[in-house]
N, C-alpha and C. Protein backbone atom coordinates (compact mmCIF):
# COMPACT_ATOMS: atom_id res chain seq x y z
N MET A 1 100.47 75.66 172.89
CA MET A 1 100.04 74.52 173.56
C MET A 1 99.62 74.92 175.15
N ALA A 2 100.65 75.85 175.76
CA ALA A 2 100.37 76.11 176.92
C ALA A 2 99.20 76.89 177.23
N THR A 3 98.65 77.57 176.22
CA THR A 3 97.44 78.55 176.44
C THR A 3 96.20 77.53 176.43
N THR A 4 96.41 76.46 175.71
CA THR A 4 95.18 75.39 175.86
C THR A 4 95.07 74.72 176.93
N SER A 5 96.28 74.28 177.71
CA SER A 5 96.24 73.85 178.97
C SER A 5 95.76 74.77 179.95
N SER A 6 96.13 76.00 179.86
CA SER A 6 95.75 76.95 180.99
C SER A 6 94.28 77.05 180.89
N VAL A 7 93.55 77.24 179.71
CA VAL A 7 92.18 77.14 179.63
C VAL A 7 91.55 75.85 180.07
N ALA A 8 92.10 74.77 179.71
CA ALA A 8 91.53 73.51 180.40
C ALA A 8 91.75 73.42 181.76
N ASN A 9 92.76 74.00 182.34
CA ASN A 9 92.93 74.20 183.77
C ASN A 9 91.85 74.98 184.50
N ASN A 10 91.47 76.12 183.93
CA ASN A 10 90.47 76.99 184.35
C ASN A 10 89.09 76.28 184.33
N VAL A 11 88.94 75.47 183.20
CA VAL A 11 87.65 74.77 182.96
C VAL A 11 87.57 73.70 184.14
N ARG A 12 88.74 73.00 184.49
CA ARG A 12 88.73 71.80 185.30
C ARG A 12 88.37 72.40 186.78
N GLU A 13 88.98 73.60 187.13
CA GLU A 13 88.93 74.14 188.44
C GLU A 13 87.37 74.59 188.55
N ALA A 14 86.74 75.21 187.53
CA ALA A 14 85.40 75.54 187.56
C ALA A 14 84.48 74.29 187.73
N ARG A 15 84.89 73.35 186.92
CA ARG A 15 84.14 72.15 187.13
C ARG A 15 84.14 71.50 188.48
N LYS A 16 85.26 71.49 189.09
CA LYS A 16 85.63 70.94 190.37
C LYS A 16 84.66 71.74 191.32
N ALA A 17 84.70 73.08 191.21
CA ALA A 17 83.93 73.88 192.09
C ALA A 17 82.38 73.59 192.10
N ILE A 18 82.03 73.26 190.87
CA ILE A 18 80.69 72.91 190.51
C ILE A 18 80.29 71.69 191.22
N LEU A 19 81.06 70.78 191.07
CA LEU A 19 80.77 69.32 191.58
C LEU A 19 80.77 69.46 193.11
N GLU A 20 81.67 70.12 193.62
CA GLU A 20 81.64 70.15 195.12
C GLU A 20 80.59 70.87 195.61
N THR A 21 79.96 71.97 195.08
CA THR A 21 78.95 72.69 195.45
C THR A 21 77.66 71.89 195.21
N SER A 22 77.61 71.19 194.08
CA SER A 22 76.26 70.42 193.75
C SER A 22 76.16 69.29 194.84
N GLY A 23 77.31 68.82 195.46
CA GLY A 23 77.08 67.84 196.37
C GLY A 23 76.49 68.53 197.61
N ASP A 24 76.91 69.69 197.96
CA ASP A 24 76.47 70.53 199.03
C ASP A 24 74.83 70.71 198.94
N ILE A 25 74.59 71.01 197.75
CA ILE A 25 73.15 71.45 197.43
C ILE A 25 72.35 70.17 197.46
N GLN A 26 72.86 69.11 196.99
CA GLN A 26 71.90 67.84 197.25
C GLN A 26 71.78 67.50 198.64
N SER A 27 72.86 67.62 199.43
CA SER A 27 72.56 67.30 200.82
C SER A 27 71.69 68.23 201.50
N ASP A 28 71.74 69.60 201.09
CA ASP A 28 70.79 70.59 201.63
C ASP A 28 69.34 70.20 201.12
N LEU A 29 69.24 69.95 199.80
CA LEU A 29 67.96 69.40 199.54
C LEU A 29 67.33 68.13 200.19
N GLN A 30 68.23 67.18 200.42
CA GLN A 30 67.69 66.00 201.18
C GLN A 30 67.44 66.51 202.48
N THR A 31 68.04 67.31 203.24
CA THR A 31 67.74 67.86 204.55
C THR A 31 66.34 68.53 204.31
N LEU A 32 66.15 69.37 203.35
CA LEU A 32 64.88 70.03 203.18
C LEU A 32 63.76 69.09 202.90
N GLN A 33 64.00 68.12 202.23
CA GLN A 33 62.93 67.09 202.04
C GLN A 33 62.53 66.39 203.31
N ILE A 34 63.59 65.95 204.09
CA ILE A 34 63.33 65.47 205.46
C ILE A 34 62.46 66.45 206.16
N GLU A 35 62.76 67.72 206.35
CA GLU A 35 62.19 68.73 207.06
C GLU A 35 60.68 68.81 206.60
N PHE A 36 60.47 68.77 205.38
CA PHE A 36 59.26 68.93 204.77
C PHE A 36 58.19 67.65 205.13
N LYS A 37 58.82 66.54 205.15
CA LYS A 37 58.09 65.37 205.55
C LYS A 37 57.61 65.47 207.08
N ARG A 38 58.64 65.90 207.97
CA ARG A 38 58.29 66.24 209.25
C ARG A 38 57.26 67.20 209.48
N LEU A 39 57.15 68.11 208.64
CA LEU A 39 56.16 69.34 208.67
C LEU A 39 54.84 68.67 208.34
N ALA A 40 54.82 67.73 207.16
CA ALA A 40 53.56 67.18 206.75
C ALA A 40 52.99 66.31 207.80
N GLU A 41 53.88 65.49 208.38
CA GLU A 41 53.40 64.75 209.66
C GLU A 41 52.71 65.54 210.75
N GLN A 42 53.51 66.54 211.05
CA GLN A 42 52.96 67.37 212.12
C GLN A 42 51.44 68.14 211.77
N VAL A 43 51.36 68.49 210.47
CA VAL A 43 50.10 69.09 209.90
C VAL A 43 49.07 68.02 209.95
N GLY A 44 49.43 66.77 209.56
CA GLY A 44 48.51 65.85 209.56
C GLY A 44 48.06 65.37 210.88
N ASN A 45 48.85 65.40 211.84
CA ASN A 45 48.45 65.26 213.30
C ASN A 45 47.52 66.27 213.81
N ILE A 46 47.87 67.54 213.31
CA ILE A 46 47.04 68.71 213.74
C ILE A 46 45.53 68.46 213.13
N VAL A 47 45.44 68.19 211.84
CA VAL A 47 44.13 68.04 211.13
C VAL A 47 43.43 66.88 211.70
N SER A 48 44.10 65.77 212.07
CA SER A 48 43.44 64.49 212.81
C SER A 48 43.03 65.02 214.07
N ASP A 49 43.74 65.85 214.89
CA ASP A 49 43.13 66.10 216.13
C ASP A 49 42.10 67.14 216.01
N LYS A 50 41.97 67.99 215.06
CA LYS A 50 40.93 68.88 214.66
C LYS A 50 40.75 69.90 216.02
N GLY A 51 41.68 70.24 216.70
CA GLY A 51 41.42 70.90 217.73
C GLY A 51 42.24 72.20 217.71
N SER A 52 41.77 73.31 218.19
CA SER A 52 42.55 74.52 218.07
C SER A 52 43.64 74.47 219.20
N ALA A 53 43.38 73.77 220.18
CA ALA A 53 44.44 73.71 221.17
C ALA A 53 45.61 72.94 220.70
N ALA A 54 45.46 71.85 219.92
CA ALA A 54 46.44 71.01 219.31
C ALA A 54 47.29 71.85 218.29
N TRP A 55 46.58 72.87 217.68
CA TRP A 55 47.30 73.77 216.54
C TRP A 55 48.08 74.60 217.51
N GLU A 56 47.61 75.26 218.47
CA GLU A 56 48.31 76.26 219.38
C GLU A 56 49.65 75.56 219.83
N ARG A 57 49.57 74.27 220.32
CA ARG A 57 50.66 73.64 220.83
C ARG A 57 51.79 73.31 219.78
N ALA A 58 51.26 73.01 218.52
CA ALA A 58 52.09 72.64 217.43
C ALA A 58 52.66 73.80 216.59
N ARG A 59 51.94 74.97 216.79
CA ARG A 59 52.37 75.98 215.84
C ARG A 59 53.76 76.53 215.98
N PRO A 60 54.42 76.54 217.23
CA PRO A 60 55.94 77.07 217.23
C PRO A 60 56.83 75.83 216.49
N SER A 61 56.40 74.68 216.67
CA SER A 61 57.13 73.57 216.06
C SER A 61 57.03 73.71 214.49
N VAL A 62 55.78 73.84 213.92
CA VAL A 62 55.56 73.98 212.51
C VAL A 62 56.43 75.14 212.08
N GLU A 63 56.20 76.32 212.80
CA GLU A 63 56.92 77.67 212.25
C GLU A 63 58.30 77.30 212.23
N GLY A 64 58.93 76.62 213.28
CA GLY A 64 60.30 76.29 213.31
C GLY A 64 60.84 75.55 212.11
N VAL A 65 59.99 74.51 211.70
CA VAL A 65 60.38 73.58 210.58
C VAL A 65 60.27 74.55 209.34
N VAL A 66 59.36 75.25 209.20
CA VAL A 66 59.24 76.03 207.81
C VAL A 66 60.33 77.11 207.91
N SER A 67 60.62 77.70 208.98
CA SER A 67 61.80 78.49 209.06
C SER A 67 63.12 77.84 208.55
N ASP A 68 63.24 76.64 209.11
CA ASP A 68 64.59 76.01 208.78
C ASP A 68 64.49 75.49 207.39
N ALA A 69 63.39 75.15 206.77
CA ALA A 69 63.31 74.77 205.36
C ALA A 69 63.66 76.04 204.52
N GLN A 70 63.11 77.30 205.03
CA GLN A 70 63.37 78.31 204.04
C GLN A 70 64.82 78.56 204.09
N GLU A 71 65.41 78.45 205.40
CA GLU A 71 66.96 78.74 205.38
C GLU A 71 67.69 77.96 204.48
N LYS A 72 67.40 76.65 204.58
CA LYS A 72 68.05 75.64 203.64
C LYS A 72 67.90 76.03 202.15
N GLY A 73 66.69 76.40 201.97
CA GLY A 73 66.41 76.86 200.42
C GLY A 73 67.22 78.00 200.09
N ARG A 74 67.54 79.05 200.94
CA ARG A 74 68.22 80.04 200.81
C ARG A 74 69.65 79.84 200.58
N GLU A 75 70.23 79.08 201.48
CA GLU A 75 71.45 78.43 201.45
C GLU A 75 71.90 77.81 200.12
N ALA A 76 70.95 77.08 199.64
CA ALA A 76 71.10 76.18 198.45
C ALA A 76 71.16 77.16 197.08
N ILE A 77 70.36 78.12 197.20
CA ILE A 77 70.39 79.08 196.18
C ILE A 77 71.56 79.95 196.09
N ASP A 78 72.04 80.34 197.38
CA ASP A 78 73.37 81.03 197.36
C ASP A 78 74.54 80.23 197.12
N ALA A 79 74.51 78.96 197.40
CA ALA A 79 75.56 78.05 196.85
C ALA A 79 75.53 77.96 195.35
N ALA A 80 74.45 78.01 194.80
CA ALA A 80 74.40 77.83 193.36
C ALA A 80 74.80 79.16 192.64
N ARG A 81 74.53 80.27 193.25
CA ARG A 81 75.12 81.52 192.77
C ARG A 81 76.57 81.57 192.98
N ASP A 82 77.21 81.09 193.88
CA ASP A 82 78.61 81.09 194.16
C ASP A 82 79.26 80.20 193.05
N VAL A 83 78.72 79.06 192.75
CA VAL A 83 79.26 78.43 191.62
C VAL A 83 79.15 79.06 190.30
N THR A 84 78.02 79.60 190.14
CA THR A 84 77.88 80.37 188.74
C THR A 84 78.90 81.55 188.70
N ASP A 85 79.16 82.33 189.69
CA ASP A 85 80.05 83.28 189.74
C ASP A 85 81.58 82.81 189.57
N ASN A 86 81.76 81.77 190.14
CA ASN A 86 83.32 81.39 190.00
C ASN A 86 83.29 80.73 188.60
N PHE A 87 82.34 80.07 188.07
CA PHE A 87 82.48 79.61 186.65
C PHE A 87 82.60 80.91 185.68
N VAL A 88 81.84 81.93 185.80
CA VAL A 88 82.00 83.05 185.04
C VAL A 88 83.23 83.75 185.18
N ASP A 89 83.66 83.77 186.39
CA ASP A 89 85.00 84.46 186.70
C ASP A 89 86.07 83.63 185.89
N ALA A 90 86.11 82.38 185.94
CA ALA A 90 87.19 81.58 185.33
C ALA A 90 87.08 81.70 183.85
N ILE A 91 86.01 81.97 183.26
CA ILE A 91 85.76 81.97 181.84
C ILE A 91 86.28 83.40 181.49
N ASP A 92 85.90 84.50 182.27
CA ASP A 92 86.32 85.88 181.97
C ASP A 92 87.86 85.88 182.04
N LYS A 93 88.53 85.25 182.95
CA LYS A 93 89.87 85.30 183.30
C LYS A 93 90.57 84.59 181.98
N SER A 94 89.91 83.51 181.43
CA SER A 94 90.60 82.86 180.25
C SER A 94 90.47 83.75 179.17
N ILE A 95 89.18 84.32 178.89
CA ILE A 95 89.05 85.22 177.75
C ILE A 95 90.03 86.41 177.74
N LYS A 96 90.12 86.98 178.84
CA LYS A 96 91.15 88.05 178.88
C LYS A 96 92.49 87.77 178.62
N ASN A 97 92.95 86.57 179.21
CA ASN A 97 94.44 86.17 178.94
C ASN A 97 94.61 85.49 177.73
N ARG A 98 93.72 84.56 177.16
CA ARG A 98 93.97 84.00 175.87
C ARG A 98 92.65 83.88 175.11
N PRO A 99 92.33 85.04 174.43
CA PRO A 99 90.83 85.09 173.87
C PRO A 99 90.83 84.05 172.68
N TYR A 100 91.79 83.81 171.79
CA TYR A 100 91.64 83.02 170.73
C TYR A 100 91.43 81.61 171.14
N THR A 101 92.31 81.13 172.16
CA THR A 101 92.42 79.81 172.64
C THR A 101 91.08 79.64 173.20
N THR A 102 90.58 80.35 174.06
CA THR A 102 89.24 80.25 174.70
C THR A 102 88.09 80.14 173.61
N LEU A 103 88.17 80.99 172.58
CA LEU A 103 87.22 80.90 171.55
C LEU A 103 87.29 79.57 170.93
N ALA A 104 88.47 79.14 170.63
CA ALA A 104 88.68 77.76 169.83
C ALA A 104 88.12 76.70 170.76
N PHE A 105 88.38 76.66 172.08
CA PHE A 105 87.98 75.56 172.98
C PHE A 105 86.58 75.57 173.05
N PHE A 106 85.84 76.63 173.16
CA PHE A 106 84.43 76.68 173.37
C PHE A 106 83.71 76.29 171.97
N ALA A 107 84.36 76.73 170.86
CA ALA A 107 83.91 76.25 169.48
C ALA A 107 83.85 74.67 169.40
N VAL A 108 84.85 74.15 170.05
CA VAL A 108 85.06 72.62 169.97
C VAL A 108 83.97 71.97 170.84
N VAL A 109 83.93 72.59 171.94
CA VAL A 109 82.97 72.17 172.97
C VAL A 109 81.50 72.28 172.39
N GLY A 110 81.15 73.35 171.77
CA GLY A 110 79.90 73.64 171.14
C GLY A 110 79.63 72.52 169.94
N PHE A 111 80.72 72.21 169.11
CA PHE A 111 80.54 71.32 168.07
C PHE A 111 80.27 69.87 168.71
N VAL A 112 80.97 69.52 169.64
CA VAL A 112 80.68 68.21 170.32
C VAL A 112 79.33 68.10 170.92
N LEU A 113 78.87 69.09 171.57
CA LEU A 113 77.63 69.03 172.22
C LEU A 113 76.48 69.03 171.16
N GLY A 114 76.79 69.78 170.08
CA GLY A 114 75.79 69.95 168.97
C GLY A 114 75.81 68.54 168.22
N ALA A 115 76.93 67.95 168.16
CA ALA A 115 76.85 66.50 167.47
C ALA A 115 76.15 65.56 168.29
N THR A 116 76.52 65.65 169.68
CA THR A 116 75.83 64.65 170.46
C THR A 116 74.10 65.03 170.77
N TRP A 117 73.80 66.20 170.56
CA TRP A 117 72.57 66.54 170.70
C TRP A 117 71.58 65.92 169.59
N ARG A 118 72.10 65.87 168.39
CA ARG A 118 71.45 65.30 167.27
C ARG A 118 71.06 63.89 167.30
N ARG A 119 72.12 63.27 168.04
CA ARG A 119 71.88 61.82 167.99
C ARG A 119 70.92 61.25 169.07
């Protein structure tokens, strides 16, 4: 019974890490959306002015917004990779310590997911 609780604890820890990181990713994506809206407004202003002088004045600002958006995107991808790595590490540790319990646990999870998928 202790082996089942150990696997469950590992899964809970991995799930907690995923939930924490998903909140960070969501906030990063919201920030990214705001940055893109600001960029769209600036580009719209440039197009409406139709002047190369306006473009030259706005270029550093637009490039800064694009750079910030790219950085936020990279951070979101890195956070997702960290969560995946933590989850895989937890599963590997569980498999090494208690292979049969882990197999039984994931068989039950697979059965439950399969049963709910059919409905």
